[in-house]
Amino acid sequence: MNKYGECTMKKLPHKFQIPLTVAIMLPIMLTAMPAVMLYSTLPKGAALFEPWLDTVTRMVPFALPTLLVIAGSIRFVVTKWLVQPAPSL
């Protein structure tokens, strides 16, 4: 608790920014995007859950390895050729 009686949360180091962002956004995107696409294409009054679940189960096995390869490749290119290394202390 701080001097005002409020609980303060200890923040994580900066190096966790990208992994945390991915860990939070990926499940949202993998579940919400199929729902939006299905909702816009299904006839009015049709059930959404079963087609959504089917789409998610077909999409995740391809999306996760693709993310790992693409994200790893982009990070390599950015750190190797586009960004200067951090100054040493």
C-alpha atoms as a PDB file:
ATOM      1  CA  MET A   1       0.000   0.000   0.000  1.00  0.00           C
ATOM      2  CA  ASN A   2       1.167   3.507  -0.692  1.00  0.00           C
ATOM      3  CA  LYS A   3       0.879   6.492   1.630  1.00  0.00           C
ATOM      4  CA  TYR A   4      -2.690   7.158   0.436  1.00  0.00           C
ATOM      5  CA  GLY A   5      -3.891   3.670   1.397  1.00  0.00           C
ATOM      6  CA  GLU A   6      -4.121   2.510  -2.241  1.00  0.00           C
ATOM      7  CA  CYS A   7      -2.777  -0.799  -3.401  1.00  0.00           C
ATOM      8  CA  THR A   8      -0.152  -0.426  -6.088  1.00  0.00           C
ATOM      9  CA  MET A   9       0.682  -3.130  -8.558  1.00  0.00           C
ATOM     10  CA  LYS A  10       4.306  -3.940  -9.254  1.00  0.00           C
ATOM     11  CA  LYS A  11       4.961  -3.517 -12.962  1.00  0.00           C
ATOM     12  CA  LEU A  12       6.842  -6.014 -15.076  1.00  0.00           C
ATOM     13  CA  PRO A  13      10.114  -5.134 -16.818  1.00  0.00           C
ATOM     14  CA  HIS A  14       9.965  -3.553 -20.289  1.00  0.00           C
ATOM     15  CA  LYS A  15      11.316  -6.708 -21.935  1.00  0.00           C
ATOM     16  CA  PHE A  16       7.914  -8.357 -21.383  1.00  0.00           C
ATOM     17  CA  GLN A  17       5.979  -5.717 -23.354  1.00  0.00           C
ATOM     18  CA  ILE A  18       5.863  -7.560 -26.692  1.00  0.00           C
ATOM     19  CA  PRO A  19       5.191 -11.058 -25.298  1.00  0.00           C
ATOM     20  CA  LEU A  20       2.424  -9.726 -23.051  1.00  0.00           C
ATOM     21  CA  THR A  21       0.858  -7.767 -25.885  1.00  0.00           C
ATOM     22  CA  VAL A  22       0.840 -10.882 -28.069  1.00  0.00           C
ATOM     23  CA  ALA A  23      -0.440 -13.068 -25.243  1.00  0.00           C
ATOM     24  CA  ILE A  24      -3.364 -10.714 -24.672  1.00  0.00           C
ATOM     25  CA  MET A  25      -4.220  -9.894 -28.289  1.00  0.00           C
ATOM     26  CA  LEU A  26      -3.837 -13.343 -29.850  1.00  0.00           C
ATOM     27  CA  PRO A  27      -6.695 -15.086 -28.011  1.00  0.00           C
ATOM     28  CA  ILE A  28      -8.949 -12.100 -28.608  1.00  0.00           C
ATOM     29  CA  MET A  29      -8.190 -12.068 -32.325  1.00  0.00           C
ATOM     30  CA  LEU A  30      -8.454 -15.851 -32.713  1.00  0.00           C
ATOM     31  CA  THR A  31     -11.878 -15.910 -31.096  1.00  0.00           C
ATOM     32  CA  ALA A  32     -13.410 -12.592 -32.125  1.00  0.00           C
ATOM     33  CA  MET A  33     -12.466 -12.456 -35.811  1.00  0.00           C
ATOM     34  CA  PRO A  34     -14.247 -15.710 -36.748  1.00  0.00           C
ATOM     35  CA  ALA A  35     -17.305 -14.580 -34.774  1.00  0.00           C
ATOM     36  CA  VAL A  36     -17.463 -11.280 -36.657  1.00  0.00           C
ATOM     37  CA  MET A  37     -17.035 -12.962 -40.030  1.00  0.00           C
ATOM     38  CA  LEU A  38     -19.650 -15.617 -39.279  1.00  0.00           C
ATOM     39  CA  TYR A  39     -22.130 -13.129 -37.854  1.00  0.00           C
ATOM     40  CA  SER A  40     -21.965 -11.088 -41.028  1.00  0.00           C
ATOM     41  CA  THR A  41     -22.399 -14.091 -43.335  1.00  0.00           C
ATOM     42  CA  LEU A  42     -24.853 -16.356 -41.499  1.00  0.00           C
ATOM     43  CA  PRO A  43     -28.561 -15.967 -42.202  1.00  0.00           C
ATOM     44  CA  LYS A  44     -30.577 -14.031 -39.647  1.00  0.00           C
ATOM     45  CA  GLY A  45     -31.569 -16.178 -36.686  1.00  0.00           C
ATOM     46  CA  ALA A  46     -29.019 -18.932 -37.412  1.00  0.00           C
ATOM     47  CA  ALA A  47     -27.046 -20.435 -34.546  1.00  0.00           C
ATOM     48  CA  LEU A  48     -23.622 -18.842 -34.151  1.00  0.00           C
ATOM     49  CA  PHE A  49     -21.873 -20.967 -31.534  1.00  0.00           C
ATOM     50  CA  GLU A  50     -21.428 -24.244 -33.444  1.00  0.00           C
ATOM     51  CA  PRO A  51     -20.132 -22.667 -36.691  1.00  0.00           C
ATOM     52  CA  TRP A  52     -17.893 -20.358 -34.635  1.00  0.00           C
ATOM     53  CA  LEU A  53     -16.433 -23.254 -32.646  1.00  0.00           C
ATOM     54  CA  ASP A  54     -15.839 -25.208 -35.860  1.00  0.00           C
ATOM     55  CA  THR A  55     -14.084 -22.226 -37.444  1.00  0.00           C
ATOM     56  CA  VAL A  56     -11.890 -21.608 -34.403  1.00  0.00           C
ATOM     57  CA  THR A  57     -10.857 -25.269 -34.191  1.00  0.00           C
ATOM     58  CA  ARG A  58      -9.899 -25.221 -37.883  1.00  0.00           C
ATOM     59  CA  MET A  59      -8.074 -21.898 -37.674  1.00  0.00           C
ATOM     60  CA  VAL A  60      -5.950 -22.210 -34.512  1.00  0.00           C
ATOM     61  CA  PRO A  61      -3.690 -25.070 -35.710  1.00  0.00           C
ATOM     62  CA  PHE A  62      -2.635 -22.917 -38.681  1.00  0.00           C
ATOM     63  CA  ALA A  63      -2.591 -19.538 -36.956  1.00  0.00           C
ATOM     64  CA  LEU A  64      -0.247 -20.369 -34.091  1.00  0.00           C
ATOM     65  CA  PRO A  65       2.654 -21.820 -36.133  1.00  0.00           C
ATOM     66  CA  THR A  66       2.225 -19.034 -38.681  1.00  0.00           C
ATOM     67  CA  LEU A  67       2.423 -16.461 -35.899  1.00  0.00           C
ATOM     68  CA  LEU A  68       5.591 -18.017 -34.507  1.00  0.00           C
ATOM     69  CA  VAL A  69       7.351 -18.106 -37.880  1.00  0.00           C
ATOM     70  CA  ILE A  70       6.224 -14.641 -39.010  1.00  0.00           C
ATOM     71  CA  ALA A  71       6.810 -12.950 -35.644  1.00  0.00           C
ATOM     72  CA  GLY A  72      10.219 -14.564 -35.273  1.00  0.00           C
ATOM     73  CA  SER A  73      11.227 -13.555 -38.794  1.00  0.00           C
ATOM     74  CA  ILE A  74      10.049  -9.975 -38.380  1.00  0.00           C
ATOM     75  CA  ARG A  75      11.772  -9.618 -35.016  1.00  0.00           C
ATOM     76  CA  PHE A  76      15.013 -10.937 -36.531  1.00  0.00           C
ATOM     77  CA  VAL A  77      14.859  -8.480 -39.446  1.00  0.00           C
ATOM     78  CA  VAL A  78      14.016  -5.540 -37.190  1.00  0.00           C
ATOM     79  CA  THR A  79      16.720  -6.235 -34.624  1.00  0.00           C
ATOM     80  CA  LYS A  80      19.374  -7.231 -37.169  1.00  0.00           C
ATOM     81  CA  TRP A  81      18.979  -4.508 -39.815  1.00  0.00           C
ATOM     82  CA  LEU A  82      16.509  -1.810 -38.789  1.00  0.00           C
ATOM     83  CA  VAL A  83      17.185  -0.892 -35.149  1.00  0.00           C
ATOM     84  CA  GLN A  84      20.455   0.144 -33.550  1.00  0.00           C
ATOM     85  CA  PRO A  85      21.540  -1.982 -30.621  1.00  0.00           C
ATOM     86  CA  ALA A  86      20.908  -0.627 -27.142  1.00  0.00           C
ATOM     87  CA  PRO A  87      23.878   1.294 -25.725  1.00  0.00           C
ATOM     88  CA  SER A  88      25.832  -0.645 -23.138  1.00  0.00           C
ATOM     89  CA  LEU A  89      26.069   0.839 -19.699  1.00  0.00           C
END
